[in-house]
C-alpha atoms as a PDB file:
ATOM      1  CA  UNK A   1     -52.346 -19.620  49.294  1.00  0.00           C
ATOM      2  CA  UNK A   2     -48.801 -18.724  48.221  1.00  0.00           C
ATOM      3  CA  UNK A   3     -46.159 -21.253  47.182  1.00  0.00           C
ATOM      4  CA  UNK A   4     -43.303 -21.489  49.598  1.00  0.00           C
ATOM      5  CA  UNK A   5     -39.977 -20.183  48.232  1.00  0.00           C
ATOM      6  CA  UNK A   6     -37.897 -23.038  46.896  1.00  0.00           C
ATOM      7  CA  UNK A   7     -34.533 -23.463  48.595  1.00  0.00           C
ATOM      8  CA  UNK A   8     -31.802 -25.009  46.434  1.00  0.00           C
ATOM      9  CA  UNK A   9     -30.751 -28.388  47.551  1.00  0.00           C
ATOM     10  CA  UNK A  10     -27.240 -28.503  49.059  1.00  0.00           C
ATOM     11  CA  UNK A  11     -25.827 -30.598  46.235  1.00  0.00           C
ATOM     12  CA  UNK A  12     -27.226 -28.132  43.616  1.00  0.00           C
ATOM     13  CA  UNK A  13     -25.690 -25.105  45.331  1.00  0.00           C
ATOM     14  CA  UNK A  14     -22.350 -26.939  45.593  1.00  0.00           C
ATOM     15  CA  UNK A  15     -22.425 -27.755  41.873  1.00  0.00           C
ATOM     16  CA  UNK A  16     -23.157 -24.119  41.006  1.00  0.00           C
ATOM     17  CA  UNK A  17     -20.235 -22.904  43.119  1.00  0.00           C
ATOM     18  CA  UNK A  18     -17.876 -25.384  41.458  1.00  0.00           C
ATOM     19  CA  UNK A  19     -19.025 -24.341  37.960  1.00  0.00           C
ATOM     20  CA  UNK A  20     -18.628 -20.652  38.799  1.00  0.00           C
ATOM     21  CA  UNK A  21     -15.134 -21.293  40.157  1.00  0.00           C
ATOM     22  CA  UNK A  22     -14.104 -23.245  37.060  1.00  0.00           C
ATOM     23  CA  UNK A  23     -15.539 -20.537  34.829  1.00  0.00           C
ATOM     24  CA  UNK A  24     -13.454 -17.911  36.598  1.00  0.00           C
ATOM     25  CA  UNK A  25     -10.385 -20.098  36.281  1.00  0.00           C
ATOM     26  CA  UNK A  26     -10.994 -20.603  32.544  1.00  0.00           C
ATOM     27  CA  UNK A  27     -11.478 -16.864  31.996  1.00  0.00           C
ATOM     28  CA  UNK A  28      -8.329 -16.077  33.984  1.00  0.00           C
ATOM     29  CA  UNK A  29      -6.359 -18.727  32.086  1.00  0.00           C
ATOM     30  CA  UNK A  30      -7.511 -17.348  28.739  1.00  0.00           C
ATOM     31  CA  UNK A  31      -6.495 -13.847  29.825  1.00  0.00           C
ATOM     32  CA  UNK A  32      -3.051 -15.060  30.917  1.00  0.00           C
ATOM     33  CA  UNK A  33      -2.573 -17.003  27.684  1.00  0.00           C
ATOM     34  CA  UNK A  34      -3.575 -13.950  25.620  1.00  0.00           C
ATOM     35  CA  UNK A  35      -1.151 -11.819  27.624  1.00  0.00           C
ATOM     36  CA  UNK A  36       1.664 -14.333  27.159  1.00  0.00           C
ATOM     37  CA  UNK A  37       0.891 -14.547  23.431  1.00  0.00           C
ATOM     38  CA  UNK A  38       0.958 -10.751  23.174  1.00  0.00           C
ATOM     39  CA  UNK A  39       4.286 -10.425  24.966  1.00  0.00           C
ATOM     40  CA  UNK A  40       5.789 -13.295  22.963  1.00  0.00           C
ATOM     41  CA  UNK A  41       4.424 -11.806  19.766  1.00  0.00           C
ATOM     42  CA  UNK A  42       6.013  -8.462  20.537  1.00  0.00           C
ATOM     43  CA  UNK A  43       9.387  -9.885  21.566  1.00  0.00           C
ATOM     44  CA  UNK A  44       9.667 -12.609  18.936  1.00  0.00           C
ATOM     45  CA  UNK A  45       7.504 -11.691  15.931  1.00  0.00           C
ATOM     46  CA  UNK A  46       6.522  -8.044  15.701  1.00  0.00           C
ATOM     47  CA  UNK A  47       9.137  -5.809  17.323  1.00  0.00           C
ATOM     48  CA  UNK A  48      12.286  -7.390  15.863  1.00  0.00           C
ATOM     49  CA  UNK A  49      10.925  -8.621  12.525  1.00  0.00           C
ATOM     50  CA  UNK A  50       8.991  -5.451  11.644  1.00  0.00           C
ATOM     51  CA  UNK A  51      11.512  -3.012  13.108  1.00  0.00           C
ATOM     52  CA  UNK A  52      11.249   0.061  10.874  1.00  0.00           C
ATOM     53  CA  UNK A  53      14.955   0.771  11.277  1.00  0.00           C
ATOM     54  CA  UNK A  54      15.548  -2.282   9.084  1.00  0.00           C
ATOM     55  CA  UNK A  55      14.069  -0.466   6.078  1.00  0.00           C
ATOM     56  CA  UNK A  56      17.380   0.798   4.747  1.00  0.00           C
ATOM     57  CA  UNK A  57      18.050   0.686   1.011  1.00  0.00           C
ATOM     58  CA  UNK A  58      21.380   0.028  -0.670  1.00  0.00           C
ATOM     59  CA  UNK A  59      24.027   2.424   0.688  1.00  0.00           C
ATOM     60  CA  UNK A  60      24.814   3.852  -2.755  1.00  0.00           C
ATOM     61  CA  UNK A  61      21.147   4.423  -3.691  1.00  0.00           C
ATOM     62  CA  UNK A  62      20.295   8.044  -4.397  1.00  0.00           C
ATOM     63  CA  UNK A  63      17.082   7.610  -6.434  1.00  0.00           C
ATOM     64  CA  UNK A  64      13.972   5.962  -5.028  1.00  0.00           C
ATOM     65  CA  UNK A  65      11.263   4.717  -7.381  1.00  0.00           C
ATOM     66  CA  UNK A  66       7.977   4.776  -5.461  1.00  0.00           C
ATOM     67  CA  UNK A  67       4.280   4.326  -6.126  1.00  0.00           C
ATOM     68  CA  UNK A  68       1.908   1.695  -7.423  1.00  0.00           C
ATOM     69  CA  UNK A  69       2.081  -0.692 -10.387  1.00  0.00           C
ATOM     70  CA  UNK A  70       2.724   2.032 -12.979  1.00  0.00           C
ATOM     71  CA  UNK A  71       5.968   2.809 -11.144  1.00  0.00           C
ATOM     72  CA  UNK A  72       6.790  -0.836 -10.454  1.00  0.00           C
ATOM     73  CA  UNK A  73       6.507  -1.876 -14.117  1.00  0.00           C
ATOM     74  CA  UNK A  74       7.530   1.211 -16.119  1.00  0.00           C
ATOM     75  CA  UNK A  75      10.717   2.292 -14.341  1.00  0.00           C
ATOM     76  CA  UNK A  76      13.417  -0.344 -14.610  1.00  0.00           C
ATOM     77  CA  UNK A  77      16.062   0.647 -12.016  1.00  0.00           C
ATOM     78  CA  UNK A  78      18.759  -0.747 -14.303  1.00  0.00           C
ATOM     79  CA  UNK A  79      18.307   2.319 -16.516  1.00  0.00           C
ATOM     80  CA  UNK A  80      18.486   4.876 -13.692  1.00  0.00           C
ATOM     81  CA  UNK A  81      21.755   5.552 -11.931  1.00  0.00           C
ATOM     82  CA  UNK A  82      21.905   4.405  -8.289  1.00  0.00           C
ATOM     83  CA  UNK A  83      18.173   3.675  -8.245  1.00  0.00           C
ATOM     84  CA  UNK A  84      16.100   1.255  -6.193  1.00  0.00           C
ATOM     85  CA  UNK A  85      12.418   0.520  -6.695  1.00  0.00           C
ATOM     86  CA  UNK A  86       9.857   0.061  -3.937  1.00  0.00           C
ATOM     87  CA  UNK A  87       6.840   0.351  -6.243  1.00  0.00           C
ATOM     88  CA  UNK A  88       4.133  -2.211  -5.556  1.00  0.00           C
ATOM     89  CA  UNK A  89       1.042  -3.371  -7.401  1.00  0.00           C
ATOM     90  CA  UNK A  90      -2.283  -1.944  -6.143  1.00  0.00           C
ATOM     91  CA  UNK A  91      -0.609   0.349  -3.627  1.00  0.00           C
ATOM     92  CA  UNK A  92      -2.991   3.146  -2.582  1.00  0.00           C
ATOM     93  CA  UNK A  93      -1.508   6.650  -2.547  1.00  0.00           C
ATOM     94  CA  UNK A  94      -2.295   6.795   1.178  1.00  0.00           C
ATOM     95  CA  UNK A  95       0.100   3.920   1.840  1.00  0.00           C
ATOM     96  CA  UNK A  96       2.655   5.220  -0.669  1.00  0.00           C
ATOM     97  CA  UNK A  97       2.943   8.410   1.376  1.00  0.00           C
ATOM     98  CA  UNK A  98       3.444   6.582   4.660  1.00  0.00           C
ATOM     99  CA  UNK A  99       5.948   4.106   3.203  1.00  0.00           C
ATOM    100  CA  UNK A 100       7.845   6.925   1.507  1.00  0.00           C
ATOM    101  CA  UNK A 101       7.934   8.909   4.764  1.00  0.00           C
ATOM    102  CA  UNK A 102       9.312   5.883   6.600  1.00  0.00           C
ATOM    103  CA  UNK A 103      12.015   5.252   4.012  1.00  0.00           C
ATOM    104  CA  UNK A 104      13.136   8.873   3.680  1.00  0.00           C
ATOM    105  CA  UNK A 105      13.436   9.205   7.459  1.00  0.00           C
ATOM    106  CA  UNK A 106      15.864   6.273   7.494  1.00  0.00           C
ATOM    107  CA  UNK A 107      17.802   6.867   4.277  1.00  0.00           C
ATOM    108  CA  UNK A 108      19.486  10.250   4.252  1.00  0.00           C
ATOM    109  CA  UNK A 109      21.259   9.381   0.997  1.00  0.00           C
ATOM    110  CA  UNK A 110      18.068   9.475  -1.092  1.00  0.00           C
ATOM    111  CA  UNK A 111      18.224  12.637  -3.194  1.00  0.00           C
ATOM    112  CA  UNK A 112      15.515  11.985  -5.793  1.00  0.00           C
ATOM    113  CA  UNK A 113      12.115  10.304  -5.856  1.00  0.00           C
ATOM    114  CA  UNK A 114      10.521   9.120  -9.096  1.00  0.00           C
ATOM    115  CA  UNK A 115       6.820   8.275  -9.076  1.00  0.00           C
ATOM    116  CA  UNK A 116       4.212   7.499 -11.739  1.00  0.00           C
ATOM    117  CA  UNK A 117       0.893   9.316 -11.374  1.00  0.00           C
ATOM    118  CA  UNK A 118      -2.351   9.195 -13.333  1.00  0.00           C
ATOM    119  CA  UNK A 119      -6.053   9.910 -13.049  1.00  0.00           C
ATOM    120  CA  UNK A 120      -6.486   6.420 -11.599  1.00  0.00           C
ATOM    121  CA  UNK A 121      -4.443   7.487  -8.579  1.00  0.00           C
ATOM    122  CA  UNK A 122      -7.146   9.953  -7.493  1.00  0.00           C
ATOM    123  CA  UNK A 123     -10.083   7.768  -8.520  1.00  0.00           C
ATOM    124  CA  UNK A 124     -12.693   6.039  -6.310  1.00  0.00           C
ATOM    125  CA  UNK A 125     -10.640   2.840  -6.518  1.00  0.00           C
ATOM    126  CA  UNK A 126      -8.218   4.461  -4.077  1.00  0.00           C
ATOM    127  CA  UNK A 127     -10.881   4.465  -1.362  1.00  0.00           C
ATOM    128  CA  UNK A 128     -12.003   0.990  -2.356  1.00  0.00           C
ATOM    129  CA  UNK A 129      -8.501  -0.376  -1.817  1.00  0.00           C
ATOM    130  CA  UNK A 130      -8.602   0.999   1.726  1.00  0.00           C
ATOM    131  CA  UNK A 131     -12.188   0.561   2.854  1.00  0.00           C
ATOM    132  CA  UNK A 132     -13.935  -2.105   0.749  1.00  0.00           C
ATOM    133  CA  UNK A 133     -13.499  -4.665   3.510  1.00  0.00           C
ATOM    134  CA  UNK A 134     -12.545  -7.577   1.280  1.00  0.00           C
ATOM    135  CA  UNK A 135      -9.555  -9.913   1.120  1.00  0.00           C
ATOM    136  CA  UNK A 136      -7.524  -7.397  -0.875  1.00  0.00           C
ATOM    137  CA  UNK A 137      -7.992  -4.600   1.664  1.00  0.00           C
ATOM    138  CA  UNK A 138      -7.122  -6.967   4.529  1.00  0.00           C
ATOM    139  CA  UNK A 139      -3.873  -7.915   2.783  1.00  0.00           C
ATOM    140  CA  UNK A 140      -3.001  -4.262   2.191  1.00  0.00           C
ATOM    141  CA  UNK A 141      -3.687  -3.222   5.775  1.00  0.00           C
ATOM    142  CA  UNK A 142      -1.586  -6.063   7.151  1.00  0.00           C
ATOM    143  CA  UNK A 143       1.238  -5.234   4.735  1.00  0.00           C
ATOM    144  CA  UNK A 144       1.390  -1.477   5.271  1.00  0.00           C
ATOM    145  CA  UNK A 145       0.195  -0.911   8.839  1.00  0.00           C
ATOM    146  CA  UNK A 146       3.734  -0.771  10.300  1.00  0.00           C
ATOM    147  CA  UNK A 147       4.542   2.200   8.054  1.00  0.00           C
ATOM    148  CA  UNK A 148       1.497   4.229   9.116  1.00  0.00           C
ATOM    149  CA  UNK A 149       1.932   6.753  11.938  1.00  0.00           C
ATOM    150  CA  UNK A 150      -0.672   7.466  14.644  1.00  0.00           C
ATOM    151  CA  UNK A 151      -2.487  10.254  12.745  1.00  0.00           C
ATOM    152  CA  UNK A 152      -2.591   8.030   9.666  1.00  0.00           C
ATOM    153  CA  UNK A 153      -4.045   5.134  11.640  1.00  0.00           C
ATOM    154  CA  UNK A 154      -6.737   7.451  12.939  1.00  0.00           C
ATOM    155  CA  UNK A 155      -7.594   8.346   9.337  1.00  0.00           C
ATOM    156  CA  UNK A 156      -8.182   4.665   8.624  1.00  0.00           C
ATOM    157  CA  UNK A 157     -10.978   4.691  11.205  1.00  0.00           C
ATOM    158  CA  UNK A 158     -12.237   1.656  13.061  1.00  0.00           C
ATOM    159  CA  UNK A 159     -12.832  -0.720  10.190  1.00  0.00           C
ATOM    160  CA  UNK A 160     -12.434  -4.448  10.700  1.00  0.00           C
ATOM    161  CA  UNK A 161      -9.239  -4.419   8.622  1.00  0.00           C
ATOM    162  CA  UNK A 162      -7.702  -1.681  10.740  1.00  0.00           C
ATOM    163  CA  UNK A 163      -8.708  -3.491  13.962  1.00  0.00           C
ATOM    164  CA  UNK A 164      -7.151  -6.772  12.838  1.00  0.00           C
ATOM    165  CA  UNK A 165      -3.936  -5.039  11.765  1.00  0.00           C
ATOM    166  CA  UNK A 166      -3.913  -3.110  15.045  1.00  0.00           C
ATOM    167  CA  UNK A 167      -4.344  -6.314  17.021  1.00  0.00           C
ATOM    168  CA  UNK A 168      -1.161  -7.608  15.395  1.00  0.00           C
ATOM    169  CA  UNK A 169       1.033  -4.511  15.388  1.00  0.00           C
ATOM    170  CA  UNK A 170      -0.322  -2.597  18.407  1.00  0.00           C
ATOM    171  CA  UNK A 171      -1.426  -5.421  20.714  1.00  0.00           C
ATOM    172  CA  UNK A 172       1.212  -7.841  19.364  1.00  0.00           C
ATOM    173  CA  UNK A 173      -1.149 -10.766  18.921  1.00  0.00           C
ATOM    174  CA  UNK A 174       0.464 -13.398  16.669  1.00  0.00           C
ATOM    175  CA  UNK A 175      -1.977 -13.007  13.789  1.00  0.00           C
ATOM    176  CA  UNK A 176      -0.982 -14.001  10.263  1.00  0.00           C
ATOM    177  CA  UNK A 177       2.080 -15.812  11.583  1.00  0.00           C
ATOM    178  CA  UNK A 178       1.967 -18.428   8.823  1.00  0.00           C
ATOM    179  CA  UNK A 179       1.863 -15.665   6.197  1.00  0.00           C
ATOM    180  CA  UNK A 180       4.974 -14.144   7.789  1.00  0.00           C
ATOM    181  CA  UNK A 181       6.796 -17.445   8.239  1.00  0.00           C
ATOM    182  CA  UNK A 182       9.342 -16.872   5.466  1.00  0.00           C
ATOM    183  CA  UNK A 183      10.001 -13.372   6.762  1.00  0.00           C
ATOM    184  CA  UNK A 184      10.393 -14.598  10.362  1.00  0.00           C
ATOM    185  CA  UNK A 185      12.671 -17.493   9.414  1.00  0.00           C
ATOM    186  CA  UNK A 186      14.751 -15.182   7.254  1.00  0.00           C
ATOM    187  CA  UNK A 187      15.147 -12.707  10.099  1.00  0.00           C
ATOM    188  CA  UNK A 188      16.367 -15.340  12.537  1.00  0.00           C
ATOM    189  CA  UNK A 189      18.752 -16.693   9.914  1.00  0.00           C
ATOM    190  CA  UNK A 190      20.238 -13.240   9.536  1.00  0.00           C
ATOM    191  CA  UNK A 191      18.652 -12.575   6.124  1.00  0.00           C
ATOM    192  CA  UNK A 192      17.475  -8.958   5.925  1.00  0.00           C
ATOM    193  CA  UNK A 193      16.124  -9.129   2.383  1.00  0.00           C
ATOM    194  CA  UNK A 194      13.598  -6.284   2.279  1.00  0.00           C
ATOM    195  CA  UNK A 195      11.822  -7.834  -0.704  1.00  0.00           C
ATOM    196  CA  UNK A 196      10.407 -10.391   1.718  1.00  0.00           C
ATOM    197  CA  UNK A 197       8.176  -7.719   3.234  1.00  0.00           C
ATOM    198  CA  UNK A 198       4.750  -7.752   1.621  1.00  0.00           C
ATOM    199  CA  UNK A 199       4.580  -3.960   1.498  1.00  0.00           C
ATOM    200  CA  UNK A 200       8.100  -3.306   0.225  1.00  0.00           C
ATOM    201  CA  UNK A 201       7.687  -4.001  -3.490  1.00  0.00           C
ATOM    202  CA  UNK A 202      10.248  -3.682  -6.256  1.00  0.00           C
ATOM    203  CA  UNK A 203      10.586  -3.618 -10.033  1.00  0.00           C
ATOM    204  CA  UNK A 204       8.231  -6.094 -11.678  1.00  0.00           C
ATOM    205  CA  UNK A 205       8.492  -7.503 -15.204  1.00  0.00           C
ATOM    206  CA  UNK A 206       5.021  -8.102 -16.611  1.00  0.00           C
ATOM    207  CA  UNK A 207       4.281 -11.429 -18.336  1.00  0.00           C
ATOM    208  CA  UNK A 208       4.932 -11.688 -22.060  1.00  0.00           C
ATOM    209  CA  UNK A 209       1.267 -11.901 -23.088  1.00  0.00           C
ATOM    210  CA  UNK A 210      -0.969  -8.909 -23.867  1.00  0.00           C
ATOM    211  CA  UNK A 211      -4.438  -8.159 -22.486  1.00  0.00           C
ATOM    212  CA  UNK A 212      -5.783  -5.439 -24.761  1.00  0.00           C
ATOM    213  CA  UNK A 213      -9.197  -6.874 -25.604  1.00  0.00           C
ATOM    214  CA  UNK A 214     -11.979  -4.235 -25.442  1.00  0.00           C
ATOM    215  CA  UNK A 215     -13.742  -6.053 -22.600  1.00  0.00           C
ATOM    216  CA  UNK A 216     -10.528  -6.275 -20.557  1.00  0.00           C
ATOM    217  CA  UNK A 217      -9.823  -2.574 -21.011  1.00  0.00           C
ATOM    218  CA  UNK A 218     -13.438  -1.818 -20.069  1.00  0.00           C
ATOM    219  CA  UNK A 219     -13.093  -3.890 -16.909  1.00  0.00           C
ATOM    220  CA  UNK A 220      -9.966  -1.967 -15.916  1.00  0.00           C
ATOM    221  CA  UNK A 221     -11.716   1.345 -16.452  1.00  0.00           C
ATOM    222  CA  UNK A 222     -14.676   0.138 -14.393  1.00  0.00           C
ATOM    223  CA  UNK A 223     -12.390  -0.938 -11.556  1.00  0.00           C
ATOM    224  CA  UNK A 224     -10.718   2.451 -11.400  1.00  0.00           C
ATOM    225  CA  UNK A 225     -13.543   4.854 -12.071  1.00  0.00           C
ATOM    226  CA  UNK A 226     -16.977   3.295 -11.518  1.00  0.00           C
ATOM    227  CA  UNK A 227     -18.751   2.707  -8.227  1.00  0.00           C
ATOM    228  CA  UNK A 228     -20.646  -0.450  -7.276  1.00  0.00           C
ATOM    229  CA  UNK A 229     -23.735   0.795  -9.080  1.00  0.00           C
ATOM    230  CA  UNK A 230     -21.844   1.066 -12.353  1.00  0.00           C
ATOM    231  CA  UNK A 231     -21.860   4.870 -12.326  1.00  0.00           C
ATOM    232  CA  UNK A 232     -18.832   7.141 -12.472  1.00  0.00           C
ATOM    233  CA  UNK A 233     -17.663   7.588  -8.892  1.00  0.00           C
ATOM    234  CA  UNK A 234     -16.259  10.644  -7.166  1.00  0.00           C
ATOM    235  CA  UNK A 235     -12.582  11.389  -6.964  1.00  0.00           C
ATOM    236  CA  UNK A 236     -10.885  10.349  -3.733  1.00  0.00           C
ATOM    237  CA  UNK A 237     -10.304  13.336  -1.453  1.00  0.00           C
ATOM    238  CA  UNK A 238      -8.039  11.162   0.700  1.00  0.00           C
ATOM    239  CA  UNK A 239      -5.882  10.191  -2.278  1.00  0.00           C
ATOM    240  CA  UNK A 240      -5.638  13.785  -3.521  1.00  0.00           C
ATOM    241  CA  UNK A 241      -4.621  14.885  -0.025  1.00  0.00           C
ATOM    242  CA  UNK A 242      -1.839  12.321   0.089  1.00  0.00           C
ATOM    243  CA  UNK A 243      -0.525  13.178  -3.362  1.00  0.00           C
ATOM    244  CA  UNK A 244      -0.171  16.666  -1.934  1.00  0.00           C
ATOM    245  CA  UNK A 245       1.481  15.299   1.208  1.00  0.00           C
ATOM    246  CA  UNK A 246       4.025  13.399  -0.900  1.00  0.00           C
ATOM    247  CA  UNK A 247       4.992  16.661  -2.610  1.00  0.00           C
ATOM    248  CA  UNK A 248       5.211  18.461   0.740  1.00  0.00           C
ATOM    249  CA  UNK A 249       7.231  15.631   2.286  1.00  0.00           C
ATOM    250  CA  UNK A 250       9.854  15.686  -0.442  1.00  0.00           C
ATOM    251  CA  UNK A 251      10.032  19.478  -0.411  1.00  0.00           C
ATOM    252  CA  UNK A 252      10.506  19.541   3.363  1.00  0.00           C
ATOM    253  CA  UNK A 253      13.351  17.007   3.167  1.00  0.00           C
ATOM    254  CA  UNK A 254      15.058  18.662   0.199  1.00  0.00           C
ATOM    255  CA  UNK A 255      14.413  15.635  -2.027  1.00  0.00           C
ATOM    256  CA  UNK A 256      13.789  16.241  -5.728  1.00  0.00           C
ATOM    257  CA  UNK A 257      10.422  14.763  -6.719  1.00  0.00           C
ATOM    258  CA  UNK A 258       9.535  13.823 -10.279  1.00  0.00           C
ATOM    259  CA  UNK A 259       6.000  12.839 -11.251  1.00  0.00           C
ATOM    260  CA  UNK A 260       5.491  11.017 -14.550  1.00  0.00           C
ATOM    261  CA  UNK A 261       2.321  10.054 -16.352  1.00  0.00           C
ATOM    262  CA  UNK A 262       3.436   6.836 -18.018  1.00  0.00           C
ATOM    263  CA  UNK A 263       2.088   5.735 -21.440  1.00  0.00           C
ATOM    264  CA  UNK A 264      -1.531   4.576 -21.586  1.00  0.00           C
ATOM    265  CA  UNK A 265      -3.149   2.431 -24.253  1.00  0.00           C
ATOM    266  CA  UNK A 266      -5.260   4.732 -26.473  1.00  0.00           C
ATOM    267  CA  UNK A 267      -8.553   2.919 -25.792  1.00  0.00           C
ATOM    268  CA  UNK A 268      -7.923   3.103 -22.044  1.00  0.00           C
ATOM    269  CA  UNK A 269      -6.858   6.752 -22.120  1.00  0.00           C
ATOM    270  CA  UNK A 270      -9.919   7.751 -24.148  1.00  0.00           C
ATOM    271  CA  UNK A 271     -12.187   5.881 -21.722  1.00  0.00           C
ATOM    272  CA  UNK A 272     -11.127   7.838 -18.622  1.00  0.00           C
ATOM    273  CA  UNK A 273     -14.180   9.818 -17.442  1.00  0.00           C
ATOM    274  CA  UNK A 274     -13.834  13.518 -18.184  1.00  0.00           C
ATOM    275  CA  UNK A 275     -14.343  14.548 -14.563  1.00  0.00           C
ATOM    276  CA  UNK A 276     -11.454  12.369 -13.406  1.00  0.00           C
ATOM    277  CA  UNK A 277      -9.146  13.462 -16.204  1.00  0.00           C
ATOM    278  CA  UNK A 278      -9.960  17.071 -15.372  1.00  0.00           C
ATOM    279  CA  UNK A 279      -9.488  16.596 -11.609  1.00  0.00           C
ATOM    280  CA  UNK A 280      -6.088  15.036 -12.180  1.00  0.00           C
ATOM    281  CA  UNK A 281      -4.979  17.781 -14.565  1.00  0.00           C
ATOM    282  CA  UNK A 282      -6.109  20.470 -12.133  1.00  0.00           C
ATOM    283  CA  UNK A 283      -4.271  18.768  -9.266  1.00  0.00           C
ATOM    284  CA  UNK A 284      -1.011  18.582 -11.208  1.00  0.00           C
ATOM    285  CA  UNK A 285      -1.353  22.183 -12.393  1.00  0.00           C
ATOM    286  CA  UNK A 286      -1.948  23.411  -8.837  1.00  0.00           C
ATOM    287  CA  UNK A 287       0.975  21.439  -7.420  1.00  0.00           C
ATOM    288  CA  UNK A 288       3.326  22.754 -10.115  1.00  0.00           C
ATOM    289  CA  UNK A 289       2.189  26.275  -9.340  1.00  0.00           C
ATOM    290  CA  UNK A 290       2.630  25.883  -5.581  1.00  0.00           C
ATOM    291  CA  UNK A 291       5.873  23.890  -5.791  1.00  0.00           C
ATOM    292  CA  UNK A 292       8.164  25.145  -8.574  1.00  0.00           C
ATOM    293  CA  UNK A 293      10.718  22.506  -7.585  1.00  0.00           C
ATOM    294  CA  UNK A 294       8.335  19.700  -8.597  1.00  0.00           C
ATOM    295  CA  UNK A 295       9.062  18.112 -11.982  1.00  0.00           C
ATOM    296  CA  UNK A 296       6.301  16.576 -14.099  1.00  0.00           C
ATOM    297  CA  UNK A 297       6.470  14.746 -17.427  1.00  0.00           C
ATOM    298  CA  UNK A 298       3.413  13.634 -19.365  1.00  0.00           C
ATOM    299  CA  UNK A 299       4.076  10.576 -21.525  1.00  0.00           C
ATOM    300  CA  UNK A 300       0.500   9.283 -21.373  1.00  0.00           C
ATOM    301  CA  UNK A 301       0.078   9.630 -25.156  1.00  0.00           C
ATOM    302  CA  UNK A 302       3.595   8.574 -26.089  1.00  0.00           C
ATOM    303  CA  UNK A 303       2.842   5.147 -27.592  1.00  0.00           C
ATOM    304  CA  UNK A 304      -0.122   3.672 -29.445  1.00  0.00           C
ATOM    305  CA  UNK A 305       1.060   0.350 -30.919  1.00  0.00           C
ATOM    306  CA  UNK A 306      -0.222  -2.787 -29.209  1.00  0.00           C
ATOM    307  CA  UNK A 307       3.274  -4.202 -28.848  1.00  0.00           C
ATOM    308  CA  UNK A 308       4.138  -1.561 -26.255  1.00  0.00           C
ATOM    309  CA  UNK A 309       1.317  -2.456 -23.834  1.00  0.00           C
ATOM    310  CA  UNK A 310       0.610  -5.338 -21.482  1.00  0.00           C
ATOM    311  CA  UNK A 311      -2.893  -4.034 -20.730  1.00  0.00           C
ATOM    312  CA  UNK A 312      -4.720  -0.714 -20.787  1.00  0.00           C
ATOM    313  CA  UNK A 313      -2.488   1.115 -18.333  1.00  0.00           C
ATOM    314  CA  UNK A 314       0.711  -0.942 -18.097  1.00  0.00           C
ATOM    315  CA  UNK A 315       3.558  -1.210 -20.549  1.00  0.00           C
ATOM    316  CA  UNK A 316       4.646  -4.532 -21.976  1.00  0.00           C
ATOM    317  CA  UNK A 317       8.214  -5.726 -21.601  1.00  0.00           C
ATOM    318  CA  UNK A 318       9.068  -4.167 -24.949  1.00  0.00           C
ATOM    319  CA  UNK A 319       7.279  -0.983 -23.932  1.00  0.00           C
ATOM    320  CA  UNK A 320       9.111  -0.789 -20.625  1.00  0.00           C
ATOM    321  CA  UNK A 321      12.476  -1.126 -22.324  1.00  0.00           C
ATOM    322  CA  UNK A 322      11.628   1.456 -24.989  1.00  0.00           C
ATOM    323  CA  UNK A 323      10.281   3.878 -22.413  1.00  0.00           C
ATOM    324  CA  UNK A 324      13.239   3.428 -20.067  1.00  0.00           C
ATOM    325  CA  UNK A 325      15.713   4.115 -22.848  1.00  0.00           C
ATOM    326  CA  UNK A 326      13.811   7.259 -23.793  1.00  0.00           C
ATOM    327  CA  UNK A 327      13.016   8.636 -20.359  1.00  0.00           C
ATOM    328  CA  UNK A 328      16.126   7.792 -18.323  1.00  0.00           C
ATOM    329  CA  UNK A 329      18.275  10.478 -20.014  1.00  0.00           C
ATOM    330  CA  UNK A 330      15.470  13.000 -19.533  1.00  0.00           C
ATOM    331  CA  UNK A 331      15.239  12.157 -15.840  1.00  0.00           C
ATOM    332  CA  UNK A 332      19.005  12.460 -15.482  1.00  0.00           C
ATOM    333  CA  UNK A 333      18.953  15.849 -17.188  1.00  0.00           C
ATOM    334  CA  UNK A 334      21.160  14.765 -20.075  1.00  0.00           C
END
């Protein structure tokens, strides 16, 4: 004997229809709200505030100081005629290229680019700063994503950091609004201070103290050159490619490019793995051979006294002043 098929009671069927209708209404409302937020984000937050045409340096600037912390701390613009610095701490070479491309496209008056380079700029840390998936990489992606063109965004892949940054700058969702609050308020007050942009950068004076203890220097070397297993990592093919692209970019635009290896603390310099030191030397040699217009100065062994260094690979305030006084006339061709 088979059980008869149960027929829902009228009140149950009515309840199910009401729930389904409300569910559809909630889904539709969420979609509309997301759409409104996207449009508002584009019109109010993203398009006007992060308009790339705003990235115009001082009208009399002819020299642009670009790169990561070595550039931001070693090259004091006060010592270089008509110079402006956009160097920024922990800036991967990948993002340096895209920021530099953006700035040069919008500043025809830039005639010279000055950039610090070292073995650390082609080390595995370069990939870690892009793809480690931690708070630091998220901050970097959100700061630099507007500078990156479509091919560059494709190179970043479909990581969570890239997706979140894309949701803000491509889909215009108001993400990170509180982080941008000062920038947004400044824009609507008519303040176009570029230093407010997280990815813009500028000259940075290191603190007065020194961090030259052996364990601190060892930690810096590990950050740059060792992988998570504590072994020497591979050089970054992506970073090497974008060092090359920086050279090609400047050559194509008729901008004189000067690479400088800034002074390194002896213990740090001696601790650089041989394979990375060699890869960097070979890269510079090849670029000089292929681009005779490229200028390169190696000051990595210039100083040895503790007083000239903040840590293993950054000059102290005294070191920055001494180096600027020495190198500025060389850069100017005096």
